[in-house]
Each structure stands twice: as structure tokens, then as C-alpha cells.
Amino acid sequence: MSYLILEECIACGACLPECPEGAISEGTPYKIDPRLCTECGACAEVCPVDACRPAAPGEKMNNTKQGNF
């Protein structure tokens, strides 16, 4: 599984430069490409509103457009 960004995201941009794989794209909320995410947790460490978290097994990734990155 990858990390996902919740609706609580304030689009501050703190996570963008922290992602070593470039898996995060801008938006409201920001989005994480699950194909690129390596689950390093760098986004969660810097998020000021705790909007980044690991997706639970079987959890639908509502804020991603899989295949459209």
C-alpha cells in the first residue's frame, strides 16, 4: 500500500519537496501516486495538519486518479 492524503490537506506544499520519488502532485487536496509511493513516510513527518497517512489494506484511495498520473 502507499500513503494517501486526506481531505484535511491545506495544500501548503510542505510535503512536495520531501517526497524522494516525486509521487505527490498539487491539488486540493494534494494527491499521491500509489505507483510511485515507497511508503517512506516523509510526507507524514512534515505535514502540519497530519493529512498524510498509510492507506489501510483494502482501503479505497478516494483522492487518487489511478492511471492518470
C-alpha atoms as a PDB file:
ATOM      1  CA  MET A   1       0.000   0.000   0.000  1.00  0.00           C
ATOM      2  CA  SER A   2       1.007   3.585  -0.336  1.00  0.00           C
ATOM      3  CA  TYR A   3       0.365   6.694   1.693  1.00  0.00           C
ATOM      4  CA  LEU A   4      -2.661   8.819   0.956  1.00  0.00           C
ATOM      5  CA  ILE A   5      -3.574  12.412   1.616  1.00  0.00           C
ATOM      6  CA  LEU A   6      -6.826  13.114   3.421  1.00  0.00           C
ATOM      7  CA  GLU A   7      -9.356  15.865   2.755  1.00  0.00           C
ATOM      8  CA  GLU A   8      -7.862  17.764   5.724  1.00  0.00           C
ATOM      9  CA  CYS A   9      -4.949  18.727   3.445  1.00  0.00           C
ATOM     10  CA  ILE A  10      -4.491  22.500   3.376  1.00  0.00           C
ATOM     11  CA  ALA A  11      -2.352  22.384   0.207  1.00  0.00           C
ATOM     12  CA  CYS A  12       0.557  24.114   1.958  1.00  0.00           C
ATOM     13  CA  GLY A  13       3.208  22.366  -0.133  1.00  0.00           C
ATOM     14  CA  ALA A  14       5.347  21.144   2.761  1.00  0.00           C
ATOM     15  CA  CYS A  15       5.254  17.560   1.503  1.00  0.00           C
ATOM     16  CA  LEU A  16       6.195  18.201  -2.141  1.00  0.00           C
ATOM     17  CA  PRO A  17       9.956  18.653  -1.743  1.00  0.00           C
ATOM     18  CA  GLU A  18      10.145  15.892   0.884  1.00  0.00           C
ATOM     19  CA  CYS A  19       8.943  13.061  -1.354  1.00  0.00           C
ATOM     20  CA  PRO A  20      12.069  11.368  -2.771  1.00  0.00           C
ATOM     21  CA  GLU A  21      10.046   9.672  -5.520  1.00  0.00           C
ATOM     22  CA  GLY A  22       8.083  12.698  -6.719  1.00  0.00           C
ATOM     23  CA  ALA A  23       4.839  10.827  -6.018  1.00  0.00           C
ATOM     24  CA  ILE A  24       2.914  13.883  -4.781  1.00  0.00           C
ATOM     25  CA  SER A  25       1.053  16.207  -7.125  1.00  0.00           C
ATOM     26  CA  GLU A  26      -0.605  19.519  -6.358  1.00  0.00           C
ATOM     27  CA  GLY A  27      -4.319  19.885  -5.909  1.00  0.00           C
ATOM     28  CA  THR A  28      -6.879  20.349  -3.188  1.00  0.00           C
ATOM     29  CA  PRO A  29      -6.152  18.013  -1.562  1.00  0.00           C
ATOM     30  CA  TYR A  30      -2.761  17.056  -2.887  1.00  0.00           C
ATOM     31  CA  LYS A  31      -2.566  13.542  -4.331  1.00  0.00           C
ATOM     32  CA  ILE A  32      -0.097  10.666  -4.013  1.00  0.00           C
ATOM     33  CA  ASP A  33       0.502   8.372  -6.971  1.00  0.00           C
ATOM     34  CA  PRO A  34       0.344   4.891  -5.390  1.00  0.00           C
ATOM     35  CA  ARG A  35       2.533   3.505  -8.182  1.00  0.00           C
ATOM     36  CA  LEU A  36       5.412   5.789  -7.139  1.00  0.00           C
ATOM     37  CA  CYS A  37       4.964   5.886  -3.358  1.00  0.00           C
ATOM     38  CA  THR A  38       7.526   3.775  -1.485  1.00  0.00           C
ATOM     39  CA  GLU A  39       5.882   4.287   1.924  1.00  0.00           C
ATOM     40  CA  CYS A  40       8.873   6.186   3.311  1.00  0.00           C
ATOM     41  CA  GLY A  41       6.625   8.441   5.407  1.00  0.00           C
ATOM     42  CA  ALA A  42       8.498  11.658   4.606  1.00  0.00           C
ATOM     43  CA  CYS A  43       5.215  13.378   3.714  1.00  0.00           C
ATOM     44  CA  ALA A  44       3.615  12.442   7.034  1.00  0.00           C
ATOM     45  CA  GLU A  45       6.613  13.690   9.002  1.00  0.00           C
ATOM     46  CA  VAL A  46       6.296  17.245   7.653  1.00  0.00           C
ATOM     47  CA  CYS A  47       2.522  17.622   7.260  1.00  0.00           C
ATOM     48  CA  PRO A  48       1.349  20.358   9.665  1.00  0.00           C
ATOM     49  CA  VAL A  49      -2.225  19.007   9.784  1.00  0.00           C
ATOM     50  CA  ASP A  50      -1.487  15.250   9.806  1.00  0.00           C
ATOM     51  CA  ALA A  51      -3.255  14.740   6.469  1.00  0.00           C
ATOM     52  CA  CYS A  52      -0.797  12.095   5.211  1.00  0.00           C
ATOM     53  CA  ARG A  53      -1.147   8.527   6.412  1.00  0.00           C
ATOM     54  CA  PRO A  54      -0.656   4.984   5.179  1.00  0.00           C
ATOM     55  CA  ALA A  55      -3.612   3.500   3.361  1.00  0.00           C
ATOM     56  CA  ALA A  56      -5.156   0.555   5.194  1.00  0.00           C
ATOM     57  CA  PRO A  57      -5.205  -2.792   3.380  1.00  0.00           C
ATOM     58  CA  GLY A  58      -8.202  -2.820   1.060  1.00  0.00           C
ATOM     59  CA  GLU A  59      -8.909   0.883   1.602  1.00  0.00           C
ATOM     60  CA  LYS A  60     -10.178   2.651  -1.479  1.00  0.00           C
ATOM     61  CA  MET A  61      -7.892   5.515  -2.431  1.00  0.00           C
ATOM     62  CA  ASN A  62     -10.595   8.152  -2.974  1.00  0.00           C
ATOM     63  CA  ASN A  63      -8.219  11.004  -3.615  1.00  0.00           C
ATOM     64  CA  THR A  64      -6.175   9.425  -6.374  1.00  0.00           C
ATOM     65  CA  LYS A  65      -6.860   9.158 -10.058  1.00  0.00           C
ATOM     66  CA  GLN A  66      -5.126   5.873 -10.607  1.00  0.00           C
ATOM     67  CA  GLY A  67      -3.745   5.560 -14.096  1.00  0.00           C
ATOM     68  CA  ASN A  68      -3.974   9.295 -14.775  1.00  0.00           C
ATOM     69  CA  PHE A  69      -0.611  10.431 -13.385  1.00  0.00           C
END
